[in-house]
Amino acid sequence: MPTSDSPSGPIAFIGGGNMARSLIGGLVARGTSAASIRVAEPMDALRDGLAKDFGVHVFSDNRQAADGAAVWILAVKPQVMRQVCEALAPLAQEARPLIVSIAAGITSAQLGRWLGGGELYDGGLSDSVIRIVRCMPNTPALLGAGVTGLFANAAVDAAGHAQAETLLSAAGATVWIEDEAHMDAVTAVSGSGPAYVFLLAEAMEAAARSEGLSDDAARTLVLQTVLGAARMLTESGEAPAELRRRVTSPGGTTQAAVETFEAGGLRDLVAQAIRNATERGKQLSAANDADA
């Protein structure tokens, strides 16, 4: 059933790609009326698929979907976000919706400016500041097993926080971030993070095959090991270091492998990888604002 934190009016998705689809599916599964969801998507196949699978209203025009909606979820690619927002700016100023963006590298200030909103300033808000929640979900959201970092600008009240959390929790867990500058780190850790796990699994499979295991055996052993370890991490309540200690017998096979990882600088390599991903997020934000 819908909760009291659900938006009081229609929800408009601007963009109907994979992440939007996962959120729509989660919302419908949790009791949100499909009739209250509108989706603007230029690709016929995606648009028709959403209408067929979920019964939502679909449009090829962004303004048609957004007009009258209480919440706009901006789910377009970062490189076209400015164009999309500027085209919707007159309606945004008139309708004053809650804006929820799931685009990486686009700040709330950029979104507000492109939507024609006023600036935040010390001591208060101008009357034209737009309520914006910036979100960073990750691809496991497609399975309802994702995690999303959220940041709200100062214009978003408690009701807006609750509405955004209700919407994004349809895809998994949520974490609020107080300082928007840390959203690039969220992107580096969880947004990009599934690829790190996939890379480890890929390397483990290759190593298993090099030790003589068949392709099928290597795949099954690695996938179930990753799945089981993830469940232990999320369900045991224990810290990763403690779980690692429990399976690392002195002088055993696990210790031999772990010592190899440590000697190879795994911790420093992971830290540097996340640092580089964080910096890249900042660069993308700056690039999107370069000609603003």
C-alpha atoms as a PDB file:
ATOM      1  CA  MET A   1       0.000   0.000   0.000  1.00  0.00           C
ATOM      2  CA  PRO A   2       1.199   3.561  -0.603  1.00  0.00           C
ATOM      3  CA  THR A   3       2.567   5.298   2.498  1.00  0.00           C
ATOM      4  CA  SER A   4       1.737   8.731   3.891  1.00  0.00           C
ATOM      5  CA  ASP A   5       5.073   9.889   2.466  1.00  0.00           C
ATOM      6  CA  SER A   6       4.011   9.099  -1.097  1.00  0.00           C
ATOM      7  CA  PRO A   7       3.664  12.134  -3.386  1.00  0.00           C
ATOM      8  CA  SER A   8       0.177  13.620  -3.312  1.00  0.00           C
ATOM      9  CA  GLY A   9       0.091  14.046  -7.096  1.00  0.00           C
ATOM     10  CA  PRO A  10       1.407  12.329 -10.194  1.00  0.00           C
ATOM     11  CA  ILE A  11       5.065  11.323 -10.502  1.00  0.00           C
ATOM     12  CA  ALA A  12       6.832  12.180 -13.759  1.00  0.00           C
ATOM     13  CA  PHE A  13       9.885  10.291 -14.943  1.00  0.00           C
ATOM     14  CA  ILE A  14      11.868  12.273 -17.485  1.00  0.00           C
ATOM     15  CA  GLY A  15      13.682   9.401 -19.170  1.00  0.00           C
ATOM     16  CA  GLY A  16      12.601   5.762 -19.254  1.00  0.00           C
ATOM     17  CA  GLY A  17      15.876   3.811 -19.300  1.00  0.00           C
ATOM     18  CA  ASN A  18      17.004   0.949 -17.084  1.00  0.00           C
ATOM     19  CA  MET A  19      17.249   2.867 -13.809  1.00  0.00           C
ATOM     20  CA  ALA A  20      13.889   4.539 -14.315  1.00  0.00           C
ATOM     21  CA  ARG A  21      12.393   1.167 -15.175  1.00  0.00           C
ATOM     22  CA  SER A  22      13.736  -0.359 -11.963  1.00  0.00           C
ATOM     23  CA  LEU A  23      12.270   2.457  -9.871  1.00  0.00           C
ATOM     24  CA  ILE A  24       8.921   2.259 -11.651  1.00  0.00           C
ATOM     25  CA  GLY A  25       8.779  -1.498 -11.140  1.00  0.00           C
ATOM     26  CA  GLY A  26       9.630  -1.113  -7.467  1.00  0.00           C
ATOM     27  CA  LEU A  27       7.037   1.590  -6.922  1.00  0.00           C
ATOM     28  CA  VAL A  28       4.262  -0.378  -8.613  1.00  0.00           C
ATOM     29  CA  ALA A  29       5.212  -3.527  -6.690  1.00  0.00           C
ATOM     30  CA  ARG A  30       4.970  -1.585  -3.431  1.00  0.00           C
ATOM     31  CA  GLY A  31       1.485  -0.272  -4.149  1.00  0.00           C
ATOM     32  CA  THR A  32       1.915   2.985  -6.052  1.00  0.00           C
ATOM     33  CA  SER A  33      -0.862   3.296  -8.607  1.00  0.00           C
ATOM     34  CA  ALA A  34       0.431   2.911 -12.157  1.00  0.00           C
ATOM     35  CA  ALA A  35      -2.119   5.545 -13.160  1.00  0.00           C
ATOM     36  CA  SER A  36      -0.192   8.107 -11.090  1.00  0.00           C
ATOM     37  CA  ILE A  37       3.105   7.488 -12.918  1.00  0.00           C
ATOM     38  CA  ARG A  38       3.986   9.287 -16.121  1.00  0.00           C
ATOM     39  CA  VAL A  39       7.067   8.594 -18.208  1.00  0.00           C
ATOM     40  CA  ALA A  40       8.593  10.707 -20.974  1.00  0.00           C
ATOM     41  CA  GLU A  41      10.868   8.657 -23.230  1.00  0.00           C
ATOM     42  CA  PRO A  42      11.855   9.409 -26.845  1.00  0.00           C
ATOM     43  CA  MET A  43      12.545   5.795 -27.825  1.00  0.00           C
ATOM     44  CA  ASP A  44       9.396   4.032 -29.004  1.00  0.00           C
ATOM     45  CA  ALA A  45      10.468   0.560 -27.840  1.00  0.00           C
ATOM     46  CA  LEU A  46      11.260   1.678 -24.294  1.00  0.00           C
ATOM     47  CA  ARG A  47       8.104   3.740 -24.071  1.00  0.00           C
ATOM     48  CA  ASP A  48       5.876   0.928 -25.321  1.00  0.00           C
ATOM     49  CA  GLY A  49       7.561  -1.585 -23.024  1.00  0.00           C
ATOM     50  CA  LEU A  50       6.912   0.535 -19.933  1.00  0.00           C
ATOM     51  CA  ALA A  51       3.258   0.983 -20.851  1.00  0.00           C
ATOM     52  CA  LYS A  52       2.813  -2.725 -21.526  1.00  0.00           C
ATOM     53  CA  ASP A  53       4.700  -4.033 -18.487  1.00  0.00           C
ATOM     54  CA  PHE A  54       3.512  -1.588 -15.827  1.00  0.00           C
ATOM     55  CA  GLY A  55       0.444   0.178 -17.191  1.00  0.00           C
ATOM     56  CA  VAL A  56       1.952   3.635 -16.692  1.00  0.00           C
ATOM     57  CA  HIS A  57       1.139   6.648 -18.851  1.00  0.00           C
ATOM     58  CA  VAL A  58       3.843   7.285 -21.453  1.00  0.00           C
ATOM     59  CA  PHE A  59       4.720  10.334 -23.539  1.00  0.00           C
ATOM     60  CA  SER A  60       7.284  11.266 -26.127  1.00  0.00           C
ATOM     61  CA  ASP A  61       7.322  14.879 -24.895  1.00  0.00           C
ATOM     62  CA  ASN A  62       8.906  15.789 -21.546  1.00  0.00           C
ATOM     63  CA  ARG A  63       6.610  18.702 -20.840  1.00  0.00           C
ATOM     64  CA  GLN A  64       3.481  16.620 -21.350  1.00  0.00           C
ATOM     65  CA  ALA A  65       4.674  14.110 -18.769  1.00  0.00           C
ATOM     66  CA  ALA A  66       5.794  16.765 -16.283  1.00  0.00           C
ATOM     67  CA  ASP A  67       2.777  19.051 -16.488  1.00  0.00           C
ATOM     68  CA  GLY A  68       0.743  18.628 -13.301  1.00  0.00           C
ATOM     69  CA  ALA A  69       3.176  16.209 -11.640  1.00  0.00           C
ATOM     70  CA  ALA A  70       4.130  16.780  -8.015  1.00  0.00           C
ATOM     71  CA  VAL A  71       7.528  15.102  -8.392  1.00  0.00           C
ATOM     72  CA  TRP A  72       9.850  15.052 -11.392  1.00  0.00           C
ATOM     73  CA  ILE A  73      12.454  12.293 -11.490  1.00  0.00           C
ATOM     74  CA  LEU A  74      15.187  13.331 -13.906  1.00  0.00           C
ATOM     75  CA  ALA A  75      16.582  10.101 -15.335  1.00  0.00           C
ATOM     76  CA  VAL A  76      18.342  11.261 -18.496  1.00  0.00           C
ATOM     77  CA  LYS A  77      22.031  11.022 -19.340  1.00  0.00           C
ATOM     78  CA  PRO A  78      24.233  13.726 -17.752  1.00  0.00           C
ATOM     79  CA  GLN A  79      25.335  15.068 -21.124  1.00  0.00           C
ATOM     80  CA  VAL A  80      21.769  16.034 -22.087  1.00  0.00           C
ATOM     81  CA  MET A  81      20.587  17.114 -18.622  1.00  0.00           C
ATOM     82  CA  ARG A  82      21.153  20.828 -19.179  1.00  0.00           C
ATOM     83  CA  GLN A  83      19.186  20.836 -22.435  1.00  0.00           C
ATOM     84  CA  VAL A  84      16.329  18.922 -20.829  1.00  0.00           C
ATOM     85  CA  CYS A  85      16.202  21.171 -17.768  1.00  0.00           C
ATOM     86  CA  GLU A  86      16.341  24.428 -19.695  1.00  0.00           C
ATOM     87  CA  ALA A  87      13.429  23.305 -21.854  1.00  0.00           C
ATOM     88  CA  LEU A  88      11.409  22.506 -18.711  1.00  0.00           C
ATOM     89  CA  ALA A  89      12.438  25.646 -16.791  1.00  0.00           C
ATOM     90  CA  PRO A  90       9.265  27.704 -17.441  1.00  0.00           C
ATOM     91  CA  LEU A  91       7.079  24.842 -16.228  1.00  0.00           C
ATOM     92  CA  ALA A  92       9.343  24.221 -13.230  1.00  0.00           C
ATOM     93  CA  GLN A  93       9.025  27.843 -12.152  1.00  0.00           C
ATOM     94  CA  GLU A  94       5.261  27.688 -12.492  1.00  0.00           C
ATOM     95  CA  ALA A  95       4.620  24.260 -10.954  1.00  0.00           C
ATOM     96  CA  ARG A  96       7.344  24.172  -8.254  1.00  0.00           C
ATOM     97  CA  PRO A  97       7.673  20.358  -8.196  1.00  0.00           C
ATOM     98  CA  LEU A  98      10.084  18.361  -6.086  1.00  0.00           C
ATOM     99  CA  ILE A  99      13.005  17.560  -8.393  1.00  0.00           C
ATOM    100  CA  VAL A 100      14.778  14.224  -7.942  1.00  0.00           C
ATOM    101  CA  SER A 101      17.859  13.706 -10.104  1.00  0.00           C
ATOM    102  CA  ILE A 102      19.636  10.378 -10.570  1.00  0.00           C
ATOM    103  CA  ALA A 103      22.311  11.758 -12.923  1.00  0.00           C
ATOM    104  CA  ALA A 104      25.958  11.372 -11.903  1.00  0.00           C
ATOM    105  CA  GLY A 105      28.170  14.450 -11.783  1.00  0.00           C
ATOM    106  CA  ILE A 106      25.369  17.047 -11.913  1.00  0.00           C
ATOM    107  CA  THR A 107      25.116  19.219  -8.792  1.00  0.00           C
ATOM    108  CA  SER A 108      21.950  20.566  -7.235  1.00  0.00           C
ATOM    109  CA  ALA A 109      23.144  24.118  -7.975  1.00  0.00           C
ATOM    110  CA  GLN A 110      23.555  23.282 -11.649  1.00  0.00           C
ATOM    111  CA  LEU A 111      20.099  21.714 -11.788  1.00  0.00           C
ATOM    112  CA  GLY A 112      18.538  24.686 -10.034  1.00  0.00           C
ATOM    113  CA  ARG A 113      20.196  27.164 -12.360  1.00  0.00           C
ATOM    114  CA  TRP A 114      19.236  25.225 -15.491  1.00  0.00           C
ATOM    115  CA  LEU A 115      15.645  24.995 -14.258  1.00  0.00           C
ATOM    116  CA  GLY A 116      15.534  28.759 -13.825  1.00  0.00           C
ATOM    117  CA  GLY A 117      15.579  28.743 -10.037  1.00  0.00           C
ATOM    118  CA  GLY A 118      17.049  31.365  -7.737  1.00  0.00           C
ATOM    119  CA  GLU A 119      20.237  30.963  -5.742  1.00  0.00           C
ATOM    120  CA  LEU A 120      20.701  29.764  -2.200  1.00  0.00           C
ATOM    121  CA  TYR A 121      22.288  32.492  -0.080  1.00  0.00           C
ATOM    122  CA  ASP A 122      23.585  32.903   3.461  1.00  0.00           C
ATOM    123  CA  GLY A 123      20.735  33.367   5.878  1.00  0.00           C
ATOM    124  CA  GLY A 124      17.914  32.011   3.794  1.00  0.00           C
ATOM    125  CA  LEU A 125      16.406  31.107   0.434  1.00  0.00           C
ATOM    126  CA  SER A 126      15.143  33.235  -2.371  1.00  0.00           C
ATOM    127  CA  ASP A 127      11.498  32.634  -3.238  1.00  0.00           C
ATOM    128  CA  SER A 128      12.424  31.029  -6.547  1.00  0.00           C
ATOM    129  CA  VAL A 129      14.783  28.335  -5.224  1.00  0.00           C
ATOM    130  CA  ILE A 130      13.706  24.933  -6.497  1.00  0.00           C
ATOM    131  CA  ARG A 131      13.512  21.906  -4.206  1.00  0.00           C
ATOM    132  CA  ILE A 132      16.109  19.428  -5.438  1.00  0.00           C
ATOM    133  CA  VAL A 133      17.176  16.003  -4.211  1.00  0.00           C
ATOM    134  CA  ARG A 134      20.277  14.626  -5.885  1.00  0.00           C
ATOM    135  CA  CYS A 135      20.572  10.829  -5.848  1.00  0.00           C
ATOM    136  CA  MET A 136      23.157   8.231  -6.797  1.00  0.00           C
ATOM    137  CA  PRO A 137      21.631   4.754  -7.158  1.00  0.00           C
ATOM    138  CA  ASN A 138      23.589   1.775  -8.480  1.00  0.00           C
ATOM    139  CA  THR A 139      22.821  -0.997 -10.939  1.00  0.00           C
ATOM    140  CA  PRO A 140      21.679  -3.646  -8.394  1.00  0.00           C
ATOM    141  CA  ALA A 141      18.630  -1.376  -8.141  1.00  0.00           C
ATOM    142  CA  LEU A 142      17.469  -3.266 -11.222  1.00  0.00           C
ATOM    143  CA  LEU A 143      16.963  -6.236  -8.874  1.00  0.00           C
ATOM    144  CA  GLY A 144      15.613  -4.195  -5.973  1.00  0.00           C
ATOM    145  CA  ALA A 145      18.937  -4.784  -4.217  1.00  0.00           C
ATOM    146  CA  GLY A 146      20.604  -1.437  -4.780  1.00  0.00           C
ATOM    147  CA  VAL A 147      21.717   1.338  -2.491  1.00  0.00           C
ATOM    148  CA  THR A 148      21.197   5.041  -3.104  1.00  0.00           C
ATOM    149  CA  GLY A 149      22.995   8.025  -1.633  1.00  0.00           C
ATOM    150  CA  LEU A 150      20.760  11.118  -1.414  1.00  0.00           C
ATOM    151  CA  PHE A 151      21.480  14.806  -0.857  1.00  0.00           C
ATOM    152  CA  ALA A 152      18.780  17.474  -0.495  1.00  0.00           C
ATOM    153  CA  ASN A 153      19.330  21.176  -0.974  1.00  0.00           C
ATOM    154  CA  ALA A 154      18.205  23.599   1.729  1.00  0.00           C
ATOM    155  CA  ALA A 155      14.844  24.194   0.043  1.00  0.00           C
ATOM    156  CA  VAL A 156      13.694  20.602   0.647  1.00  0.00           C
ATOM    157  CA  ASP A 157      11.580  20.253   3.788  1.00  0.00           C
ATOM    158  CA  ALA A 158      10.921  17.164   5.880  1.00  0.00           C
ATOM    159  CA  ALA A 159       8.057  16.105   3.644  1.00  0.00           C
ATOM    160  CA  GLY A 160      10.305  16.358   0.595  1.00  0.00           C
ATOM    161  CA  HIS A 161      12.965  14.243   2.302  1.00  0.00           C
ATOM    162  CA  ALA A 162      10.361  11.615   3.122  1.00  0.00           C
ATOM    163  CA  GLN A 163       8.947  11.580  -0.404  1.00  0.00           C
ATOM    164  CA  ALA A 164      12.371  11.196  -2.005  1.00  0.00           C
ATOM    165  CA  GLU A 165      13.304   8.398   0.372  1.00  0.00           C
ATOM    166  CA  THR A 166      10.040   6.585  -0.346  1.00  0.00           C
ATOM    167  CA  LEU A 167      10.670   6.806  -4.086  1.00  0.00           C
ATOM    168  CA  LEU A 168      14.295   5.671  -4.002  1.00  0.00           C
ATOM    169  CA  SER A 169      13.756   2.950  -1.387  1.00  0.00           C
ATOM    170  CA  ALA A 170      11.775   1.149  -4.097  1.00  0.00           C
ATOM    171  CA  ALA A 171      15.205   0.192  -5.481  1.00  0.00           C
ATOM    172  CA  GLY A 172      16.894  -0.787  -2.220  1.00  0.00           C
ATOM    173  CA  ALA A 173      18.547   0.825   0.802  1.00  0.00           C
ATOM    174  CA  THR A 174      19.025   4.592   1.114  1.00  0.00           C
ATOM    175  CA  VAL A 175      21.705   6.720   2.797  1.00  0.00           C
ATOM    176  CA  TRP A 176      21.403  10.481   3.299  1.00  0.00           C
ATOM    177  CA  ILE A 177      24.529  12.559   2.703  1.00  0.00           C
ATOM    178  CA  GLU A 178      24.765  15.888   4.531  1.00  0.00           C
ATOM    179  CA  ASP A 179      27.508  17.486   2.410  1.00  0.00           C
ATOM    180  CA  GLU A 180      26.940  17.475  -1.348  1.00  0.00           C
ATOM    181  CA  ALA A 181      30.702  17.520  -1.921  1.00  0.00           C
ATOM    182  CA  HIS A 182      30.695  13.917  -0.699  1.00  0.00           C
ATOM    183  CA  MET A 183      28.313  12.765  -3.440  1.00  0.00           C
ATOM    184  CA  ASP A 184      31.300  12.176  -5.724  1.00  0.00           C
ATOM    185  CA  ALA A 185      32.622   9.722  -3.135  1.00  0.00           C
ATOM    186  CA  VAL A 186      29.210   8.017  -3.052  1.00  0.00           C
ATOM    187  CA  THR A 187      29.452   7.626  -6.821  1.00  0.00           C
ATOM    188  CA  ALA A 188      32.965   6.207  -6.511  1.00  0.00           C
ATOM    189  CA  VAL A 189      32.085   3.722  -3.756  1.00  0.00           C
ATOM    190  CA  SER A 190      28.585   2.467  -4.556  1.00  0.00           C
ATOM    191  CA  GLY A 191      27.688   3.881  -7.948  1.00  0.00           C
ATOM    192  CA  SER A 192      30.792   2.417  -9.575  1.00  0.00           C
ATOM    193  CA  GLY A 193      31.286  -0.234  -6.909  1.00  0.00           C
ATOM    194  CA  PRO A 194      29.455  -3.129  -8.589  1.00  0.00           C
ATOM    195  CA  ALA A 195      32.058  -3.003 -11.373  1.00  0.00           C
ATOM    196  CA  TYR A 196      34.800  -3.593  -8.807  1.00  0.00           C
ATOM    197  CA  VAL A 197      33.063  -6.745  -7.601  1.00  0.00           C
ATOM    198  CA  PHE A 198      32.528  -7.861 -11.197  1.00  0.00           C
ATOM    199  CA  LEU A 199      36.241  -7.310 -11.896  1.00  0.00           C
ATOM    200  CA  LEU A 200      37.202  -9.440  -8.877  1.00  0.00           C
ATOM    201  CA  ALA A 201      34.813 -12.180 -10.002  1.00  0.00           C
ATOM    202  CA  GLU A 202      36.250 -12.002 -13.511  1.00  0.00           C
ATOM    203  CA  ALA A 203      39.793 -12.368 -12.156  1.00  0.00           C
ATOM    204  CA  MET A 204      38.799 -15.232  -9.853  1.00  0.00           C
ATOM    205  CA  GLU A 205      37.152 -17.095 -12.740  1.00  0.00           C
ATOM    206  CA  ALA A 206      40.246 -16.712 -14.895  1.00  0.00           C
ATOM    207  CA  ALA A 207      42.458 -17.937 -12.056  1.00  0.00           C
ATOM    208  CA  ALA A 208      40.180 -20.919 -11.433  1.00  0.00           C
ATOM    209  CA  ARG A 209      40.387 -21.932 -15.097  1.00  0.00           C
ATOM    210  CA  SER A 210      44.171 -21.577 -15.037  1.00  0.00           C
ATOM    211  CA  GLU A 211      44.218 -24.085 -12.156  1.00  0.00           C
ATOM    212  CA  GLY A 212      42.418 -26.595 -14.377  1.00  0.00           C
ATOM    213  CA  LEU A 213      38.756 -26.110 -13.464  1.00  0.00           C
ATOM    214  CA  SER A 214      36.190 -26.185 -16.249  1.00  0.00           C
ATOM    215  CA  ASP A 215      34.421 -23.007 -17.328  1.00  0.00           C
ATOM    216  CA  ASP A 216      31.142 -24.111 -15.763  1.00  0.00           C
ATOM    217  CA  ALA A 217      32.753 -25.143 -12.500  1.00  0.00           C
ATOM    218  CA  ALA A 218      34.761 -21.917 -12.283  1.00  0.00           C
ATOM    219  CA  ARG A 219      31.691 -19.786 -12.943  1.00  0.00           C
ATOM    220  CA  THR A 220      29.484 -21.575 -10.397  1.00  0.00           C
ATOM    221  CA  LEU A 221      32.134 -21.615  -7.694  1.00  0.00           C
ATOM    222  CA  VAL A 222      32.927 -17.925  -8.080  1.00  0.00           C
ATOM    223  CA  LEU A 223      29.357 -16.656  -8.384  1.00  0.00           C
ATOM    224  CA  GLN A 224      28.092 -18.595  -5.397  1.00  0.00           C
ATOM    225  CA  THR A 225      31.119 -17.559  -3.355  1.00  0.00           C
ATOM    226  CA  VAL A 226      30.492 -13.877  -4.098  1.00  0.00           C
ATOM    227  CA  LEU A 227      26.773 -14.263  -3.377  1.00  0.00           C
ATOM    228  CA  GLY A 228      27.370 -16.126  -0.131  1.00  0.00           C
ATOM    229  CA  ALA A 229      30.003 -13.665   1.067  1.00  0.00           C
ATOM    230  CA  ALA A 230      27.693 -10.731   0.292  1.00  0.00           C
ATOM    231  CA  ARG A 231      24.896 -12.344   2.285  1.00  0.00           C
ATOM    232  CA  MET A 232      27.210 -12.922   5.244  1.00  0.00           C
ATOM    233  CA  LEU A 233      28.287  -9.284   5.116  1.00  0.00           C
ATOM    234  CA  THR A 234      24.730  -7.967   5.040  1.00  0.00           C
ATOM    235  CA  GLU A 235      23.023 -10.490   7.319  1.00  0.00           C
ATOM    236  CA  SER A 236      25.576 -11.326  10.018  1.00  0.00           C
ATOM    237  CA  GLY A 237      25.960  -7.834  11.454  1.00  0.00           C
ATOM    238  CA  GLU A 238      29.714  -8.417  11.722  1.00  0.00           C
ATOM    239  CA  ALA A 239      32.428  -6.148  10.351  1.00  0.00           C
ATOM    240  CA  PRO A 240      34.241  -7.322   7.198  1.00  0.00           C
ATOM    241  CA  ALA A 241      37.512  -7.594   9.121  1.00  0.00           C
ATOM    242  CA  GLU A 242      35.938  -9.964  11.661  1.00  0.00           C
ATOM    243  CA  LEU A 243      34.401 -12.180   8.991  1.00  0.00           C
ATOM    244  CA  ARG A 244      37.749 -12.337   7.198  1.00  0.00           C
ATOM    245  CA  ARG A 245      39.505 -13.279  10.459  1.00  0.00           C
ATOM    246  CA  ARG A 246      37.087 -16.141  11.084  1.00  0.00           C
ATOM    247  CA  VAL A 247      37.840 -17.834   7.775  1.00  0.00           C
ATOM    248  CA  THR A 248      41.593 -17.226   7.859  1.00  0.00           C
ATOM    249  CA  SER A 249      43.156 -20.104   9.762  1.00  0.00           C
ATOM    250  CA  PRO A 250      46.815 -19.566  10.731  1.00  0.00           C
ATOM    251  CA  GLY A 251      49.088 -21.264   8.219  1.00  0.00           C
ATOM    252  CA  GLY A 252      46.158 -22.282   6.007  1.00  0.00           C
ATOM    253  CA  THR A 253      45.214 -21.742   2.400  1.00  0.00           C
ATOM    254  CA  THR A 254      43.212 -18.570   3.035  1.00  0.00           C
ATOM    255  CA  GLN A 255      46.112 -16.974   4.878  1.00  0.00           C
ATOM    256  CA  ALA A 256      48.408 -17.739   1.944  1.00  0.00           C
ATOM    257  CA  ALA A 257      46.035 -15.948  -0.430  1.00  0.00           C
ATOM    258  CA  VAL A 258      45.327 -13.001   1.873  1.00  0.00           C
ATOM    259  CA  GLU A 259      49.026 -12.425   2.484  1.00  0.00           C
ATOM    260  CA  THR A 260      49.532 -12.326  -1.266  1.00  0.00           C
ATOM    261  CA  PHE A 261      46.830  -9.663  -1.622  1.00  0.00           C
ATOM    262  CA  GLU A 262      48.354  -7.638   1.212  1.00  0.00           C
ATOM    263  CA  ALA A 263      51.885  -7.924  -0.172  1.00  0.00           C
ATOM    264  CA  GLY A 264      50.595  -6.735  -3.538  1.00  0.00           C
ATOM    265  CA  GLY A 265      49.168  -3.558  -1.999  1.00  0.00           C
ATOM    266  CA  LEU A 266      45.477  -4.378  -2.429  1.00  0.00           C
ATOM    267  CA  ARG A 267      44.304  -1.861   0.183  1.00  0.00           C
ATOM    268  CA  ASP A 268      46.311   0.998  -1.318  1.00  0.00           C
ATOM    269  CA  LEU A 269      45.149   0.039  -4.816  1.00  0.00           C
ATOM    270  CA  VAL A 270      41.481   0.097  -3.770  1.00  0.00           C
ATOM    271  CA  ALA A 271      41.952   3.456  -2.024  1.00  0.00           C
ATOM    272  CA  GLN A 272      43.594   4.929  -5.108  1.00  0.00           C
ATOM    273  CA  ALA A 273      40.911   3.540  -7.401  1.00  0.00           C
ATOM    274  CA  ILE A 274      38.155   5.154  -5.338  1.00  0.00           C
ATOM    275  CA  ARG A 275      40.139   8.403  -5.112  1.00  0.00           C
ATOM    276  CA  ASN A 276      40.492   8.466  -8.912  1.00  0.00           C
ATOM    277  CA  ALA A 277      36.782   7.736  -9.403  1.00  0.00           C
ATOM    278  CA  THR A 278      35.904  10.525  -6.938  1.00  0.00           C
ATOM    279  CA  GLU A 279      38.111  13.005  -8.776  1.00  0.00           C
ATOM    280  CA  ARG A 280      36.606  11.975 -12.094  1.00  0.00           C
ATOM    281  CA  GLY A 281      33.149  12.749 -10.720  1.00  0.00           C
ATOM    282  CA  LYS A 282      34.310  16.249  -9.784  1.00  0.00           C
ATOM    283  CA  GLN A 283      35.792  16.729 -13.249  1.00  0.00           C
ATOM    284  CA  LEU A 284      32.513  15.700 -14.898  1.00  0.00           C
ATOM    285  CA  SER A 285      30.611  18.195 -12.776  1.00  0.00           C
ATOM    286  CA  ALA A 286      33.038  20.961 -13.719  1.00  0.00           C
ATOM    287  CA  ALA A 287      32.827  20.023 -17.402  1.00  0.00           C
ATOM    288  CA  ASN A 288      29.036  20.191 -17.340  1.00  0.00           C
ATOM    289  CA  ASP A 289      29.280  23.697 -15.839  1.00  0.00           C
ATOM    290  CA  ALA A 290      32.145  24.987 -17.997  1.00  0.00           C
ATOM    291  CA  ASP A 291      29.943  26.885 -20.409  1.00  0.00           C
ATOM    292  CA  ALA A 292      27.176  27.769 -17.980  1.00  0.00           C
END
